[in-house]
């Protein structure tokens, strides 16, 4: 796990958004379709990035409690 995955995923989502913008079929609802596709991609990326970064750099480290006496001095 590295922080560079966030950057590579961002570029992937940017390319997907550009393709969605260009390849959206013409019609009355073209703007709505573009908006829905691009916003969905951005929201999914942001949710993934927050989850990934929370696992990469946790704010609270787990504490081991209730260990048997011989194992307590190691932790």
PDB file of N, CA and C in Angstrom:
ATOM      1  N   UNK A   1       0.845  -1.181   0.000  1.00  0.00           N
ATOM      2  CA  UNK A   1       0.000   0.000   0.000  1.00  0.00           C
ATOM      3  C   UNK A   1       0.887   1.240   0.000  1.00  0.00           C
ATOM      4  N   UNK A   2       0.635   2.077  -0.971  1.00  0.00           N
ATOM      5  CA  UNK A   2       1.395   3.320  -1.009  1.00  0.00           C
ATOM      6  C   UNK A   2       0.462   4.464  -1.362  1.00  0.00           C
ATOM      7  N   UNK A   3       0.920   5.658  -1.105  1.00  0.00           N
ATOM      8  CA  UNK A   3       0.121   6.846  -1.398  1.00  0.00           C
ATOM      9  C   UNK A   3       0.014   7.147  -2.878  1.00  0.00           C
ATOM     10  N   UNK A   4       0.878   6.527  -3.686  1.00  0.00           N
ATOM     11  CA  UNK A   4       0.827   6.776  -5.130  1.00  0.00           C
ATOM     12  C   UNK A   4      -0.421   6.164  -5.779  1.00  0.00           C
ATOM     13  N   UNK A   5      -1.018   5.177  -5.133  1.00  0.00           N
ATOM     14  CA  UNK A   5      -2.249   4.593  -5.673  1.00  0.00           C
ATOM     15  C   UNK A   5      -3.357   5.633  -5.771  1.00  0.00           C
ATOM     16  N   UNK A   6      -3.385   6.565  -4.842  1.00  0.00           N
ATOM     17  CA  UNK A   6      -4.393   7.634  -4.873  1.00  0.00           C
ATOM     18  C   UNK A   6      -4.216   8.471  -6.136  1.00  0.00           C
ATOM     19  N   UNK A   7      -2.982   8.772  -6.481  1.00  0.00           N
ATOM     20  CA  UNK A   7      -2.704   9.608  -7.656  1.00  0.00           C
ATOM     21  C   UNK A   7      -3.055   8.857  -8.938  1.00  0.00           C
ATOM     22  N   UNK A   8      -2.635   7.577  -9.030  1.00  0.00           N
ATOM     23  CA  UNK A   8      -2.953   6.791 -10.220  1.00  0.00           C
ATOM     24  C   UNK A   8      -4.458   6.625 -10.384  1.00  0.00           C
ATOM     25  N   UNK A   9      -5.164   6.390  -9.302  1.00  0.00           N
ATOM     26  CA  UNK A   9      -6.624   6.257  -9.380  1.00  0.00           C
ATOM     27  C   UNK A   9      -7.264   7.579  -9.802  1.00  0.00           C
ATOM     28  N   UNK A  10      -6.704   8.702  -9.334  1.00  0.00           N
ATOM     29  CA  UNK A  10      -7.228  10.009  -9.742  1.00  0.00           C
ATOM     30  C   UNK A  10      -7.104  10.191 -11.248  1.00  0.00           C
ATOM     31  N   UNK A  11      -5.949   9.853 -11.798  1.00  0.00           N
ATOM     32  CA  UNK A  11      -5.775   9.978 -13.246  1.00  0.00           C
ATOM     33  C   UNK A  11      -6.717   9.041 -13.998  1.00  0.00           C
ATOM     34  N   UNK A  12      -6.932   7.853 -13.465  1.00  0.00           N
ATOM     35  CA  UNK A  12      -7.878   6.917 -14.081  1.00  0.00           C
ATOM     36  C   UNK A  12      -9.293   7.455 -14.082  1.00  0.00           C
ATOM     37  N   UNK A  13      -9.699   8.043 -12.971  1.00  0.00           N
ATOM     38  CA  UNK A  13     -11.045   8.627 -12.880  1.00  0.00           C
ATOM     39  C   UNK A  13     -11.155   9.851 -13.783  1.00  0.00           C
ATOM     40  N   UNK A  14     -10.083  10.637 -13.881  1.00  0.00           N
ATOM     41  CA  UNK A  14     -10.104  11.805 -14.771  1.00  0.00           C
ATOM     42  C   UNK A  14     -10.268  11.373 -16.223  1.00  0.00           C
ATOM     43  N   UNK A  15      -9.587  10.316 -16.619  1.00  0.00           N
ATOM     44  CA  UNK A  15      -9.733   9.807 -17.984  1.00  0.00           C
ATOM     45  C   UNK A  15     -11.143   9.267 -18.202  1.00  0.00           C
ATOM     46  N   UNK A  16     -11.676   8.545 -17.220  1.00  0.00           N
ATOM     47  CA  UNK A  16     -13.038   8.015 -17.332  1.00  0.00           C
ATOM     48  C   UNK A  16     -14.059   9.150 -17.431  1.00  0.00           C
ATOM     49  N   UNK A  17     -13.843  10.228 -16.681  1.00  0.00           N
ATOM     50  CA  UNK A  17     -14.751  11.388 -16.760  1.00  0.00           C
ATOM     51  C   UNK A  17     -14.664  12.051 -18.129  1.00  0.00           C
ATOM     52  N   UNK A  18     -13.463  12.163 -18.668  1.00  0.00           N
ATOM     53  CA  UNK A  18     -13.302  12.764 -19.995  1.00  0.00           C
ATOM     54  C   UNK A  18     -13.978  11.902 -21.055  1.00  0.00           C
ATOM     55  N   UNK A  19     -13.819  10.590 -20.954  1.00  0.00           N
ATOM     56  CA  UNK A  19     -14.483   9.694 -21.898  1.00  0.00           C
ATOM     57  C   UNK A  19     -16.003   9.766 -21.762  1.00  0.00           C
ATOM     58  N   UNK A  20     -16.483   9.840 -20.542  1.00  0.00           N
ATOM     59  CA  UNK A  20     -17.931   9.957 -20.329  1.00  0.00           C
ATOM     60  C   UNK A  20     -18.455  11.258 -20.913  1.00  0.00           C
ATOM     61  N   UNK A  21     -17.694  12.317 -20.811  1.00  0.00           N
ATOM     62  CA  UNK A  21     -18.100  13.613 -21.353  1.00  0.00           C
ATOM     63  C   UNK A  21     -18.172  13.566 -22.875  1.00  0.00           C
ATOM     64  N   UNK A  22     -17.176  12.926 -23.490  1.00  0.00           N
ATOM     65  CA  UNK A  22     -17.113  12.896 -24.952  1.00  0.00           C
ATOM     66  C   UNK A  22     -18.090  11.881 -25.548  1.00  0.00           C
ATOM     67  N   UNK A  23     -18.235  10.733 -24.911  1.00  0.00           N
ATOM     68  CA  UNK A  23     -19.006   9.634 -25.487  1.00  0.00           C
ATOM     69  C   UNK A  23     -20.487   9.623 -25.095  1.00  0.00           C
ATOM     70  N   UNK A  24     -20.951  10.606 -24.372  1.00  0.00           N
ATOM     71  CA  UNK A  24     -22.355  10.665 -24.003  1.00  0.00           C
ATOM     72  C   UNK A  24     -23.194  10.890 -25.260  1.00  0.00           C
ATOM     73  N   UNK A  25     -24.252  10.093 -25.440  1.00  0.00           N
ATOM     74  CA  UNK A  25     -25.059  10.255 -26.654  1.00  0.00           C
ATOM     75  C   UNK A  25     -25.775  11.605 -26.693  1.00  0.00           C
ATOM     76  N   UNK A  26     -25.939  12.120 -27.895  1.00  0.00           N
ATOM     77  CA  UNK A  26     -26.618  13.402 -28.090  1.00  0.00           C
ATOM     78  C   UNK A  26     -28.112  13.237 -27.796  1.00  0.00           C
ATOM     79  N   UNK A  27     -28.702  14.297 -27.313  1.00  0.00           N
ATOM     80  CA  UNK A  27     -30.129  14.258 -27.039  1.00  0.00           C
ATOM     81  C   UNK A  27     -30.524  15.349 -26.069  1.00  0.00           C
ATOM     82  N   UNK A  28     -31.798  15.320 -25.711  1.00  0.00           N
ATOM     83  CA  UNK A  28     -32.332  16.339 -24.806  1.00  0.00           C
ATOM     84  C   UNK A  28     -31.738  16.238 -23.403  1.00  0.00           C
ATOM     85  N   UNK A  29     -31.419  15.028 -22.979  1.00  0.00           N
ATOM     86  CA  UNK A  29     -30.944  14.789 -21.615  1.00  0.00           C
ATOM     87  C   UNK A  29     -29.429  14.615 -21.539  1.00  0.00           C
ATOM     88  N   UNK A  30     -28.699  15.093 -22.513  1.00  0.00           N
ATOM     89  CA  UNK A  30     -27.256  14.891 -22.563  1.00  0.00           C
ATOM     90  C   UNK A  30     -26.560  15.499 -21.347  1.00  0.00           C
ATOM     91  N   UNK A  31     -26.957  16.680 -20.961  1.00  0.00           N
ATOM     92  CA  UNK A  31     -26.328  17.342 -19.812  1.00  0.00           C
ATOM     93  C   UNK A  31     -26.585  16.574 -18.519  1.00  0.00           C
ATOM     94  N   UNK A  32     -27.801  16.070 -18.363  1.00  0.00           N
ATOM     95  CA  UNK A  32     -28.145  15.315 -17.157  1.00  0.00           C
ATOM     96  C   UNK A  32     -27.353  14.012 -17.102  1.00  0.00           C
ATOM     97  N   UNK A  33     -27.258  13.320 -18.239  1.00  0.00           N
ATOM     98  CA  UNK A  33     -26.518  12.061 -18.283  1.00  0.00           C
ATOM     99  C   UNK A  33     -25.045  12.295 -17.971  1.00  0.00           C
ATOM    100  N   UNK A  34     -24.459  13.328 -18.560  1.00  0.00           N
ATOM    101  CA  UNK A  34     -23.057  13.653 -18.271  1.00  0.00           C
ATOM    102  C   UNK A  34     -22.854  13.945 -16.794  1.00  0.00           C
ATOM    103  N   UNK A  35     -23.743  14.752 -16.246  1.00  0.00           N
ATOM    104  CA  UNK A  35     -23.613  15.134 -14.843  1.00  0.00           C
ATOM    105  C   UNK A  35     -23.711  13.916 -13.932  1.00  0.00           C
ATOM    106  N   UNK A  36     -24.656  13.036 -14.199  1.00  0.00           N
ATOM    107  CA  UNK A  36     -24.833  11.852 -13.356  1.00  0.00           C
ATOM    108  C   UNK A  36     -23.616  10.933 -13.432  1.00  0.00           C
ATOM    109  N   UNK A  37     -23.112  10.704 -14.630  1.00  0.00           N
ATOM    110  CA  UNK A  37     -21.962   9.808 -14.778  1.00  0.00           C
ATOM    111  C   UNK A  37     -20.724  10.394 -14.111  1.00  0.00           C
ATOM    112  N   UNK A  38     -20.441  11.650 -14.366  1.00  0.00           N
ATOM    113  CA  UNK A  38     -19.229  12.271 -13.816  1.00  0.00           C
ATOM    114  C   UNK A  38     -19.320  12.407 -12.301  1.00  0.00           C
ATOM    115  N   UNK A  39     -20.459  12.809 -11.792  1.00  0.00           N
ATOM    116  CA  UNK A  39     -20.608  12.931 -10.333  1.00  0.00           C
ATOM    117  C   UNK A  39     -20.530  11.572  -9.647  1.00  0.00           C
ATOM    118  N   UNK A  40     -21.049  10.532 -10.286  1.00  0.00           N
ATOM    119  CA  UNK A  40     -20.950   9.183  -9.718  1.00  0.00           C
ATOM    120  C   UNK A  40     -19.501   8.729  -9.645  1.00  0.00           C
ATOM    121  N   UNK A  41     -18.751   8.973 -10.716  1.00  0.00           N
ATOM    122  CA  UNK A  41     -17.335   8.602 -10.707  1.00  0.00           C
ATOM    123  C   UNK A  41     -16.563   9.369  -9.640  1.00  0.00           C
ATOM    124  N   UNK A  42     -16.826  10.652  -9.525  1.00  0.00           N
ATOM    125  CA  UNK A  42     -16.118  11.469  -8.535  1.00  0.00           C
ATOM    126  C   UNK A  42     -16.468  11.048  -7.109  1.00  0.00           C
ATOM    127  N   UNK A  43     -17.743  10.796  -6.852  1.00  0.00           N
ATOM    128  CA  UNK A  43     -18.151  10.389  -5.499  1.00  0.00           C
ATOM    129  C   UNK A  43     -17.576   9.025  -5.119  1.00  0.00           C
ATOM    130  N   UNK A  44     -17.576   8.092  -6.074  1.00  0.00           N
ATOM    131  CA  UNK A  44     -16.984   6.775  -5.798  1.00  0.00           C
ATOM    132  C   UNK A  44     -15.489   6.898  -5.539  1.00  0.00           C
ATOM    133  N   UNK A  45     -14.804   7.733  -6.320  1.00  0.00           N
ATOM    134  CA  UNK A  45     -13.373   7.934  -6.100  1.00  0.00           C
ATOM    135  C   UNK A  45     -13.113   8.537  -4.722  1.00  0.00           C
ATOM    136  N   UNK A  46     -13.864   9.555  -4.357  1.00  0.00           N
ATOM    137  CA  UNK A  46     -13.650  10.195  -3.056  1.00  0.00           C
ATOM    138  C   UNK A  46     -13.904   9.232  -1.905  1.00  0.00           C
ATOM    139  N   UNK A  47     -14.944   8.417  -2.017  1.00  0.00           N
ATOM    140  CA  UNK A  47     -15.229   7.448  -0.956  1.00  0.00           C
ATOM    141  C   UNK A  47     -14.107   6.419  -0.861  1.00  0.00           C
ATOM    142  N   UNK A  48     -13.626   5.940  -2.007  1.00  0.00           N
ATOM    143  CA  UNK A  48     -12.529   4.988  -2.007  1.00  0.00           C
ATOM    144  C   UNK A  48     -11.265   5.634  -1.431  1.00  0.00           C
ATOM    145  N   UNK A  49     -10.969   6.874  -1.820  1.00  0.00           N
ATOM    146  CA  UNK A  49      -9.747   7.546  -1.365  1.00  0.00           C
ATOM    147  C   UNK A  49      -9.770   7.761   0.144  1.00  0.00           C
ATOM    148  N   UNK A  50     -10.901   8.167   0.688  1.00  0.00           N
ATOM    149  CA  UNK A  50     -11.002   8.376   2.138  1.00  0.00           C
ATOM    150  C   UNK A  50     -10.811   7.058   2.878  1.00  0.00           C
ATOM    151  N   UNK A  51     -11.448   5.996   2.387  1.00  0.00           N
ATOM    152  CA  UNK A  51     -11.303   4.688   3.027  1.00  0.00           C
ATOM    153  C   UNK A  51      -9.870   4.178   2.934  1.00  0.00           C
ATOM    154  N   UNK A  52      -9.260   4.350   1.777  1.00  0.00           N
ATOM    155  CA  UNK A  52      -7.883   3.899   1.570  1.00  0.00           C
ATOM    156  C   UNK A  52      -6.912   4.661   2.471  1.00  0.00           C
ATOM    157  N   UNK A  53      -7.076   5.981   2.534  1.00  0.00           N
ATOM    158  CA  UNK A  53      -6.178   6.779   3.373  1.00  0.00           C
ATOM    159  C   UNK A  53      -6.401   6.521   4.856  1.00  0.00           C
ATOM    160  N   UNK A  54      -7.641   6.216   5.251  1.00  0.00           N
ATOM    161  CA  UNK A  54      -7.908   5.896   6.655  1.00  0.00           C
ATOM    162  C   UNK A  54      -7.205   4.603   7.061  1.00  0.00           C
ATOM    163  N   UNK A  55      -7.078   3.678   6.131  1.00  0.00           N
ATOM    164  CA  UNK A  55      -6.356   2.440   6.434  1.00  0.00           C
ATOM    165  C   UNK A  55      -4.848   2.639   6.338  1.00  0.00           C
ATOM    166  N   UNK A  56      -4.428   3.542   5.476  1.00  0.00           N
ATOM    167  CA  UNK A  56      -3.003   3.785   5.292  1.00  0.00           C
ATOM    168  C   UNK A  56      -2.395   4.524   6.480  1.00  0.00           C
ATOM    169  N   UNK A  57      -3.116   5.508   7.007  1.00  0.00           N
ATOM    170  CA  UNK A  57      -2.658   6.310   8.146  1.00  0.00           C
ATOM    171  C   UNK A  57      -3.782   6.414   9.179  1.00  0.00           C
ATOM    172  N   UNK A  58      -3.966   5.391  10.007  1.00  0.00           N
ATOM    173  CA  UNK A  58      -5.055   5.445  10.986  1.00  0.00           C
ATOM    174  C   UNK A  58      -4.819   6.516  12.050  1.00  0.00           C
ATOM    175  N   UNK A  59      -5.888   7.140  12.501  1.00  0.00           N
ATOM    176  CA  UNK A  59      -5.782   8.165  13.530  1.00  0.00           C
ATOM    177  C   UNK A  59      -5.622   7.558  14.919  1.00  0.00           C
ATOM    178  N   UNK A  60      -6.258   6.422  15.152  1.00  0.00           N
ATOM    179  CA  UNK A  60      -6.213   5.755  16.458  1.00  0.00           C
ATOM    180  C   UNK A  60      -5.653   4.359  16.243  1.00  0.00           C
ATOM    181  N   UNK A  61      -4.570   4.043  16.939  1.00  0.00           N
ATOM    182  CA  UNK A  61      -3.981   2.723  16.825  1.00  0.00           C
ATOM    183  C   UNK A  61      -4.665   1.785  17.812  1.00  0.00           C
ATOM    184  N   UNK A  62      -4.910   0.544  17.429  1.00  0.00           N
ATOM    185  CA  UNK A  62      -5.560  -0.400  18.341  1.00  0.00           C
ATOM    186  C   UNK A  62      -4.669  -0.738  19.537  1.00  0.00           C
ATOM    187  N   UNK A  63      -5.287  -0.936  20.680  1.00  0.00           N
ATOM    188  CA  UNK A  63      -4.553  -1.298  21.893  1.00  0.00           C
ATOM    189  C   UNK A  63      -4.943  -2.718  22.275  1.00  0.00           C
ATOM    190  N   UNK A  64      -3.953  -3.507  22.647  1.00  0.00           N
ATOM    191  CA  UNK A  64      -4.215  -4.878  23.055  1.00  0.00           C
ATOM    192  C   UNK A  64      -4.474  -4.895  24.555  1.00  0.00           C
ATOM    193  N   UNK A  65      -5.644  -5.371  24.933  1.00  0.00           N
ATOM    194  CA  UNK A  65      -5.990  -5.468  26.349  1.00  0.00           C
ATOM    195  C   UNK A  65      -6.457  -6.895  26.632  1.00  0.00           C
ATOM    196  N   UNK A  66      -6.382  -7.268  27.883  1.00  0.00           N
ATOM    197  CA  UNK A  66      -6.860  -8.578  28.310  1.00  0.00           C
ATOM    198  C   UNK A  66      -5.930  -9.722  27.924  1.00  0.00           C
ATOM    199  N   UNK A  67      -4.645  -9.439  27.765  1.00  0.00           N
ATOM    200  CA  UNK A  67      -3.706 -10.497  27.440  1.00  0.00           C
ATOM    201  C   UNK A  67      -3.309 -11.259  28.699  1.00  0.00           C
ATOM    202  N   UNK A  68      -2.917 -12.494  28.515  1.00  0.00           N
ATOM    203  CA  UNK A  68      -2.461 -13.291  29.657  1.00  0.00           C
ATOM    204  C   UNK A  68      -1.151 -12.711  30.193  1.00  0.00           C
ATOM    205  N   UNK A  69      -0.866 -12.837  31.469  1.00  0.00           N
ATOM    206  CA  UNK A  69       0.317 -12.220  32.087  1.00  0.00           C
ATOM    207  C   UNK A  69       1.639 -12.518  31.391  1.00  0.00           C
ATOM    208  N   UNK A  70       1.945 -13.728  30.930  1.00  0.00           N
ATOM    209  CA  UNK A  70       3.255 -13.933  30.292  1.00  0.00           C
ATOM    210  C   UNK A  70       3.410 -13.156  28.978  1.00  0.00           C
ATOM    211  N   UNK A  71       2.335 -12.777  28.348  1.00  0.00           N
ATOM    212  CA  UNK A  71       2.410 -12.111  27.066  1.00  0.00           C
ATOM    213  C   UNK A  71       2.330 -10.578  27.175  1.00  0.00           C
ATOM    214  N   UNK A  72       2.063 -10.061  28.359  1.00  0.00           N
ATOM    215  CA  UNK A  72       1.888  -8.612  28.512  1.00  0.00           C
ATOM    216  C   UNK A  72       3.183  -7.843  28.380  1.00  0.00           C
ATOM    217  N   UNK A  73       4.315  -8.404  28.788  1.00  0.00           N
ATOM    218  CA  UNK A  73       5.540  -7.625  28.750  1.00  0.00           C
ATOM    219  C   UNK A  73       6.048  -7.428  27.315  1.00  0.00           C
ATOM    220  N   UNK A  74       5.613  -8.227  26.371  1.00  0.00           N
ATOM    221  CA  UNK A  74       6.054  -8.046  24.995  1.00  0.00           C
ATOM    222  C   UNK A  74       5.366  -6.864  24.311  1.00  0.00           C
ATOM    223  N   UNK A  75       4.204  -6.498  24.769  1.00  0.00           N
ATOM    224  CA  UNK A  75       3.449  -5.426  24.107  1.00  0.00           C
ATOM    225  C   UNK A  75       3.437  -4.234  24.972  1.00  0.00           C
TER     226      UNK A  75
END
